[in-house]
Each structure stands twice: as structure tokens, then as C-alpha cells.
């Protein structure tokens, strides 16, 4: 595959070593991708938290000072997400945390020859990793924003990769390059776009961020899919376009401190989108043993979809917007 083969001591190799040591990267093929695809080509500038409250420091490759360029490069290879575009005080594009990217890529369970759609192009780094593993012709990436896709094409070309980069509403599933064996979303959803299922081969896997988690759906056919959440927390920039709004989380006011501090409880509130009042959600959470993400799932069937605890047709289910 294409990509730069660097010395074992270069920053990309050190980042790969760090991900392996942390247990985030176990597959040798993905390790080679992280070693040989230089992240620095995809984030010529990014925004790091500054010293003042709410302030952000813009770091860039073309900083006029050696110290500034060195600070930019060090940040590029830290295991942190990097915001690359801001509008109206909000991040609209970012390079995800490498350890989270590695976990998602391994969870796709790809094999040679599979075709993959990425929804949410960002700066193009994830598409480059996919292209390194599967080849450019088997990868398509889609984003609604033409500025984002234009920049991603340039970054990918600099890294020696030329997958299909499409400017369109990702909720449509990029039909021009279908069918897909895998769909991976790198933007937060409030529901699974049903058009995605129609773009998939039978048995395909859809991996998407939803309610601060990652749901892995096995596709039966164009109208049916079901699967559970991975244990991993996940926070992404929302999918933009004519799609459902991001989830609304219920209030934790007046609840015990353990619930207010619990990531697992906040996930339940996000998944139910505030349909359960805080005290009712807390009572359920306590009654069913304070479940972690992996006990929850999502099912799509004949135009309907719902989240569930333990079983798709069990006692605890919550509708998601179609």
C-alpha cells in the first residue's frame, strides 16, 4: 500500500508504540498504517486549549519561530483529539484521538478486498489509514462541507493516497460508490440513517457514534440491522445536514453524587434522549445493576429503530428518531 515508511524513531512510530503499549492497537496491519501514515500531513494547523479559560492556541506547521513549529509537531503526535476548524465558537472538524481511532478501526474487522465508507471526512487522516490497509479504490469518504473535503484531498494526496472524497450529505450513504462491506462514522448521530443499510452488502458492519458510545450494527438486509455498543466512550462532532438533531440529555439536578459523576449514568440519559426524567432514570439504573455501555444496543427494523438494554425486545426499550 501507499504511505511513508519512516525510521523506527520517528514520531509516527513512537505514536504507534504508545498505542500498542496502551492496548489500543493490536493488529499488525493497523500498526503499520499508524507507523507509515504521518499525522502531521493532515493537521497543518490545529487549535489547542490555551492558558486562559475558554481560550485556544492556534498551532501551525508554518509558525515563524522554531519553538512554535516544534510545539506544533509535539502536539500532532500526542494521543489527543485535535480541533482543526472552528465556526461560531464550535469545532466543525477535528482529527480524532489516535487511540480511539485505532480501537474503531480494529472493531471494523476488515479483510482484504472489503469496501469501506467513512462518513465525516475531517482532515483525511482516518481515510488515509483505511486506504493504507485496504487500498485507495476500496475506500470512500464523504462530508457535507466542501472546504473540509477540499483540504482532505490535498492532505491525502500529500500522503500518497487518492480514495474517493465526496462532498455530499453523509446521511445518504454515498450511493455512487456503494455497495459497502463496512460503514464507519466519525461524527455523532442521534439515530442511524436508514439509507445506510440500503448501501450495504448483507452481513456488513456499521460502526457509528451515538449517545456518547459506539454502536456496532450487523446488517441483515436493507431494512434490518441490530447490534450492541462497544464499552468505549466516544465524543464526536455532530453529523451536519438535514438529519435529526443531536441527542438531548436529561438533567441530573437533585440526583445523588454517584449518578452525577457516573459516565455510565450519563450515557443512559443520552441514549434515552431525556425521555426518562432524571429520578426515573436513576431508579432504573440502580434496579438493573448500573449497566455499562456494552449491555445496551440498537435495532433497526422496517423503518423503525430503537435503543434497548440487554435485549432488542426486552423490558427496557426507547425509540430513536428515524
Protein backbone atom coordinates (compact mmCIF):
# COMPACT_ATOMS: atom_id res chain seq x y z
CA UNK A 1 0.00 0.00 0.00
CA UNK A 2 0.99 3.63 -0.31
CA UNK A 3 2.43 5.59 2.60
CA UNK A 4 5.69 6.75 4.05
CA UNK A 5 7.96 4.22 5.66
CA UNK A 6 9.71 6.12 8.43
CA UNK A 7 12.58 5.27 10.74
CA UNK A 8 11.62 3.39 13.93
CA UNK A 9 12.44 6.51 15.96
CA UNK A 10 10.28 8.97 14.00
CA UNK A 11 7.16 10.49 15.65
CA UNK A 12 4.69 8.23 13.81
CA UNK A 13 6.48 5.10 15.03
CA UNK A 14 6.62 6.46 18.56
CA UNK A 15 2.88 7.16 18.46
CA UNK A 16 2.22 3.61 17.22
CA UNK A 17 4.41 2.23 20.02
CA UNK A 18 2.44 4.29 22.54
CA UNK A 19 -0.88 2.96 21.20
CA UNK A 20 0.40 -0.62 21.35
CA UNK A 21 1.64 -0.16 24.91
CA UNK A 22 -1.75 1.23 25.92
CA UNK A 23 -3.53 -1.78 24.41
CA UNK A 24 -5.32 0.37 21.81
CA UNK A 25 -3.52 -1.17 18.85
CA UNK A 26 -3.09 -4.94 18.48
CA UNK A 27 -3.48 -5.74 14.77
CA UNK A 28 -0.09 -5.67 12.94
CA UNK A 29 -1.70 -4.32 9.74
CA UNK A 30 -3.19 -1.34 11.55
CA UNK A 31 0.07 -0.82 13.41
CA UNK A 32 1.87 -0.49 10.07
CA UNK A 33 -0.74 2.02 8.95
CA UNK A 34 -0.17 4.21 12.01
CA UNK A 35 3.60 3.91 11.56
CA UNK A 36 3.60 4.75 7.87
CA UNK A 37 0.88 7.42 7.57
CA UNK A 38 2.27 10.69 9.01
CA UNK A 39 -0.41 12.50 11.00
CA UNK A 40 1.47 15.77 10.54
CA UNK A 41 0.39 15.92 6.88
CA UNK A 42 -3.26 16.11 7.94
CA UNK A 43 -3.10 18.78 10.62
CA UNK A 44 -1.02 21.67 9.23
CA UNK A 45 -2.79 23.73 11.85
CA UNK A 46 -4.93 22.91 14.87
CA UNK A 47 -6.32 24.54 17.98
CA UNK A 48 -5.01 23.55 21.39
CA UNK A 49 -6.51 24.65 24.72
CA UNK A 50 -4.77 27.82 25.85
CA UNK A 51 -3.83 29.03 29.29
CA UNK A 52 -6.85 31.32 29.67
CA UNK A 53 -10.27 29.90 30.38
CA UNK A 54 -12.01 29.18 27.08
CA UNK A 55 -9.05 30.38 25.03
CA UNK A 56 -7.47 28.24 22.34
CA UNK A 57 -3.99 28.42 20.94
CA UNK A 58 -3.61 28.07 17.17
CA UNK A 59 -0.58 25.95 16.36
CA UNK A 60 0.65 25.63 12.80
CA UNK A 61 3.33 23.98 10.74
CA UNK A 62 4.40 27.30 9.21
CA UNK A 63 4.88 29.08 12.53
CA UNK A 64 7.60 31.71 12.05
CA UNK A 65 9.55 30.52 15.11
CA UNK A 66 11.39 27.21 15.59
CA UNK A 67 9.82 26.92 19.04
CA UNK A 68 6.34 27.30 17.59
CA UNK A 69 6.96 24.68 14.90
CA UNK A 70 8.35 22.28 17.50
CA UNK A 71 5.30 22.84 19.73
CA UNK A 72 3.02 22.15 16.74
CA UNK A 73 4.81 18.88 15.93
CA UNK A 74 4.81 17.65 19.53
CA UNK A 75 1.06 18.21 19.72
CA UNK A 76 0.43 16.40 16.44
CA UNK A 77 1.78 13.14 17.85
CA UNK A 78 0.14 13.28 21.25
CA UNK A 79 -2.74 10.86 21.82
CA UNK A 80 -5.33 13.62 21.89
CA UNK A 81 -8.05 14.90 19.53
CA UNK A 82 -7.07 17.97 17.54
CA UNK A 83 -9.70 20.52 16.51
CA UNK A 84 -8.84 21.71 13.00
CA UNK A 85 -11.78 24.01 12.13
CA UNK A 86 -13.91 26.31 14.28
CA UNK A 87 -17.05 28.23 13.34
CA UNK A 88 -19.29 30.23 15.61
CA UNK A 89 -17.38 29.11 18.66
CA UNK A 90 -17.80 25.39 17.89
CA UNK A 91 -15.49 22.79 16.38
CA UNK A 92 -16.80 21.62 12.99
CA UNK A 93 -13.89 19.35 12.09
CA UNK A 94 -11.20 17.54 14.03
CA UNK A 95 -8.65 14.76 13.94
CA UNK A 96 -9.90 12.21 16.44
CA UNK A 97 -7.84 10.87 19.34
CA UNK A 98 -5.49 8.26 17.79
CA UNK A 99 -6.23 5.61 20.44
CA UNK A 100 -9.96 5.94 19.76
CA UNK A 101 -9.32 5.79 16.01
CA UNK A 102 -7.25 2.64 16.46
CA UNK A 103 -9.97 0.98 18.52
CA UNK A 104 -12.64 1.84 15.97
CA UNK A 105 -10.56 0.63 13.04
CA UNK A 106 -9.84 -2.67 14.75
CA UNK A 107 -13.52 -3.03 15.68
CA UNK A 108 -14.40 -2.83 11.95
CA UNK A 109 -12.78 -6.27 11.49
CA UNK A 110 -11.93 -5.59 7.87
CA UNK A 111 -10.47 -8.12 5.46
CA UNK A 112 -8.56 -7.56 2.25
CA UNK A 113 -10.83 -6.53 -0.61
CA UNK A 114 -13.58 -5.06 1.55
CA UNK A 115 -15.12 -1.74 0.54
CA UNK A 116 -15.49 0.87 3.29
CA UNK A 117 -17.42 4.14 3.51
CA UNK A 118 -16.31 6.73 6.04
CA UNK A 119 -18.92 9.34 6.98
CA UNK A 120 -17.27 12.50 8.30
CA UNK A 121 -14.04 13.15 6.41
CA UNK A 122 -12.37 15.55 8.81
CA UNK A 123 -8.79 16.32 7.77
CA UNK A 124 -8.49 12.95 6.00
CA UNK A 125 -6.21 11.07 8.40
CA UNK A 126 -8.66 8.26 9.08
CA UNK A 127 -9.33 7.84 5.35
CA UNK A 128 -5.57 7.58 4.81
CA UNK A 129 -5.28 4.83 7.42
CA UNK A 130 -8.14 2.96 5.75
CA UNK A 131 -6.53 3.42 2.32
CA UNK A 132 -3.20 2.14 3.62
CA UNK A 133 -4.90 -1.00 4.91
CA UNK A 134 -7.37 -1.66 2.07
CA UNK A 135 -6.15 0.30 -0.95
CA UNK A 136 -7.47 3.59 -2.30
CA UNK A 137 -10.05 2.03 -4.63
CA UNK A 138 -11.81 0.33 -1.70
CA UNK A 139 -12.29 3.50 0.37
CA UNK A 140 -14.78 6.36 0.03
CA UNK A 141 -15.18 9.23 2.46
CA UNK A 142 -18.00 11.78 2.49
CA UNK A 143 -18.54 15.14 4.15
CA UNK A 144 -21.10 17.90 3.63
CA UNK A 145 -18.59 20.76 3.79
CA UNK A 146 -16.67 21.49 0.56
CA UNK A 147 -13.90 23.27 2.46
CA UNK A 148 -13.34 20.15 4.53
CA UNK A 149 -13.32 17.76 1.56
CA UNK A 150 -11.06 20.05 -0.49
CA UNK A 151 -8.48 20.23 2.29
CA UNK A 152 -8.72 16.48 2.90
CA UNK A 153 -7.99 15.73 -0.78
CA UNK A 154 -4.83 17.83 -0.56
CA UNK A 155 -3.72 16.16 2.66
CA UNK A 156 -4.40 12.68 1.27
CA UNK A 157 -2.51 13.42 -1.94
CA UNK A 158 0.46 14.64 0.09
CA UNK A 159 0.44 11.27 1.86
CA UNK A 160 0.24 9.41 -1.46
CA UNK A 161 -3.42 8.35 -1.21
CA UNK A 162 -6.35 9.01 -3.52
CA UNK A 163 -9.55 7.43 -2.20
CA UNK A 164 -12.92 8.77 -3.34
CA UNK A 165 -13.58 12.01 -1.42
CA UNK A 166 -17.19 13.06 -1.92
CA UNK A 167 -18.88 16.32 -0.95
CA UNK A 168 -22.45 15.36 -0.01
CA UNK A 169 -24.85 14.68 2.84
CA UNK A 170 -23.36 11.67 4.62
CA UNK A 171 -26.80 10.56 5.80
CA UNK A 172 -27.50 9.41 2.21
CA UNK A 173 -24.68 6.89 2.41
CA UNK A 174 -22.79 7.94 -0.73
CA UNK A 175 -24.72 5.72 -3.21
CA UNK A 176 -22.34 6.40 -6.12
CA UNK A 177 -19.66 4.17 -4.61
CA UNK A 178 -21.90 1.54 -2.97
CA UNK A 179 -22.22 -1.26 -2.00
CA UNK A 180 -20.10 -1.28 1.15
CA UNK A 181 -18.93 -4.06 3.42
CA UNK A 182 -18.29 -1.60 6.24
CA UNK A 183 -19.51 1.89 7.16
CA UNK A 184 -17.66 3.86 9.82
CA UNK A 185 -18.93 7.21 11.04
CA UNK A 186 -16.61 9.71 12.67
CA UNK A 187 -19.40 12.14 13.58
CA UNK A 188 -22.03 11.89 16.31
CA UNK A 189 -25.53 10.68 15.43
CA UNK A 190 -28.86 10.82 17.21
CA UNK A 191 -30.17 7.92 15.10
CA UNK A 192 -28.85 5.64 12.36
CA UNK A 193 -29.61 6.98 8.87
CA UNK A 194 -31.73 4.22 7.35
CA UNK A 195 -30.29 4.90 3.88
CA UNK A 196 -27.01 3.42 5.09
CA UNK A 197 -28.48 -0.07 5.27
CA UNK A 198 -29.50 0.05 1.62
CA UNK A 199 -25.90 0.86 0.67
CA UNK A 200 -24.52 -2.21 2.47
CA UNK A 201 -23.89 -5.77 1.45
CA UNK A 202 -25.70 -8.43 3.52
CA UNK A 203 -23.69 -9.09 6.67
CA UNK A 204 -21.99 -5.68 6.55
CA UNK A 205 -20.97 -3.88 9.73
CA UNK A 206 -21.90 -0.30 10.59
CA UNK A 207 -19.87 1.36 13.35
CA UNK A 208 -21.17 4.73 14.49
CA UNK A 209 -21.00 7.13 17.47
CA UNK A 210 -24.38 7.52 19.15
CA UNK A 211 -25.18 8.92 22.60
CA UNK A 212 -21.52 9.14 23.70
CA UNK A 213 -20.96 5.50 22.71
CA UNK A 214 -20.05 3.41 19.65
CA UNK A 215 -22.71 1.06 18.32
CA UNK A 216 -21.70 -1.83 16.04
CA UNK A 217 -24.65 -2.91 13.89
CA UNK A 218 -24.69 -6.08 11.83
CA UNK A 219 -26.74 -5.51 8.67
CA UNK A 220 -29.16 -8.28 7.70
CA UNK A 221 -30.60 -6.50 4.66
CA UNK A 222 -31.63 -3.02 3.52
CA UNK A 223 -34.26 -2.71 6.24
CA UNK A 224 -32.85 -4.65 9.18
CA UNK A 225 -29.79 -4.26 11.42
CA UNK A 226 -29.02 -4.80 15.07
CA UNK A 227 -26.07 -4.73 17.43
CA UNK A 228 -24.57 -3.68 20.74
CA UNK A 229 -22.46 -0.78 21.93
CA UNK A 230 -18.74 -1.17 22.47
CA UNK A 231 -17.52 -0.46 26.01
CA UNK A 232 -15.62 2.61 24.78
CA UNK A 233 -16.84 6.18 25.44
CA UNK A 234 -16.88 8.32 22.30
CA UNK A 235 -17.48 12.04 21.77
CA UNK A 236 -17.55 13.41 18.22
CA UNK A 237 -18.54 16.50 16.24
CA UNK A 238 -22.23 16.02 15.22
CA UNK A 239 -23.24 14.94 11.73
CA UNK A 240 -24.46 18.02 9.90
CA UNK A 241 -27.14 18.32 7.24
CA UNK A 242 -30.89 17.54 7.04
CA UNK A 243 -30.69 14.86 9.73
CA UNK A 244 -32.04 14.53 13.30
CA UNK A 245 -30.58 16.94 15.85
CA UNK A 246 -28.01 15.65 18.36
CA UNK A 247 -29.31 13.94 21.47
CA UNK A 248 -30.68 15.91 24.41
CA UNK A 249 -29.53 14.80 27.84
CA UNK A 250 -31.83 14.97 30.84
CA UNK A 251 -30.96 16.92 33.95
CA UNK A 252 -29.12 15.36 36.89
CA UNK A 253 -30.19 18.10 39.31
CA UNK A 254 -31.10 16.67 42.71
CA UNK A 255 -29.66 13.22 41.99
CA UNK A 256 -27.07 11.50 44.19
CA UNK A 257 -23.47 12.47 43.60
CA UNK A 258 -22.55 8.98 42.33
CA UNK A 259 -25.02 9.35 39.45
CA UNK A 260 -23.90 12.87 38.61
CA UNK A 261 -20.30 11.66 38.40
CA UNK A 262 -21.00 8.40 36.56
CA UNK A 263 -20.18 8.21 32.86
CA UNK A 264 -22.42 5.12 32.61
CA UNK A 265 -25.40 7.01 34.00
CA UNK A 266 -24.86 9.96 31.67
CA UNK A 267 -24.74 7.50 28.77
CA UNK A 268 -28.19 6.19 29.76
CA UNK A 269 -29.55 9.75 29.84
CA UNK A 270 -28.03 10.48 26.42
CA UNK A 271 -29.35 7.25 24.92
CA UNK A 272 -32.90 7.85 26.11
CA UNK A 273 -32.62 11.50 24.95
CA UNK A 274 -34.27 12.84 28.07
CA UNK A 275 -37.37 10.63 27.74
CA UNK A 276 -36.69 9.32 31.23
CA UNK A 277 -36.83 12.03 33.91
CA UNK A 278 -33.66 12.10 35.98
CA UNK A 279 -35.08 10.34 39.04
CA UNK A 280 -36.79 7.67 36.92
CA UNK A 281 -33.56 7.07 35.02
CA UNK A 282 -31.66 6.78 38.29
CA UNK A 283 -34.18 4.29 39.68
CA UNK A 284 -33.85 2.15 36.54
CA UNK A 285 -30.06 2.39 36.54
CA UNK A 286 -29.94 1.19 40.14
CA UNK A 287 -32.51 -1.56 39.62
CA UNK A 288 -30.69 -3.15 36.66
CA UNK A 289 -27.24 -3.07 38.24
CA UNK A 290 -25.74 0.18 36.94
CA UNK A 291 -25.11 -1.19 33.44
CA UNK A 292 -22.13 -0.21 31.31
CA UNK A 293 -22.39 0.60 27.60
CA UNK A 294 -21.92 -2.97 26.38
CA UNK A 295 -25.30 -4.03 27.81
CA UNK A 296 -27.10 -1.61 25.51
CA UNK A 297 -27.83 -1.90 21.80
CA UNK A 298 -29.78 -0.56 18.84
CA UNK A 299 -32.12 -2.30 16.41
CA UNK A 300 -33.36 -1.00 13.05
CA UNK A 301 -36.36 -2.80 11.58
CA UNK A 302 -38.72 -1.81 8.76
CA UNK A 303 -38.16 1.93 9.15
CA UNK A 304 -38.30 1.91 12.95
CA UNK A 305 -35.34 1.97 15.28
CA UNK A 306 -34.91 1.82 18.99
CA UNK A 307 -32.28 1.56 21.71
CA UNK A 308 -32.51 -1.22 24.26
CA UNK A 309 -31.00 -2.64 27.42
CA UNK A 310 -29.92 -6.31 27.34
CA UNK A 311 -32.28 -7.45 24.53
CA UNK A 312 -33.97 -5.81 21.50
CA UNK A 313 -37.44 -6.92 22.62
CA UNK A 314 -36.89 -6.82 26.36
CA UNK A 315 -38.45 -4.73 29.09
CA UNK A 316 -36.42 -1.58 28.51
CA UNK A 317 -36.50 0.00 25.05
CA UNK A 318 -36.53 3.62 23.81
CA UNK A 319 -37.42 4.84 20.30
CA UNK A 320 -34.85 6.70 18.23
CA UNK A 321 -35.76 9.22 15.54
CA UNK A 322 -35.94 7.55 12.08
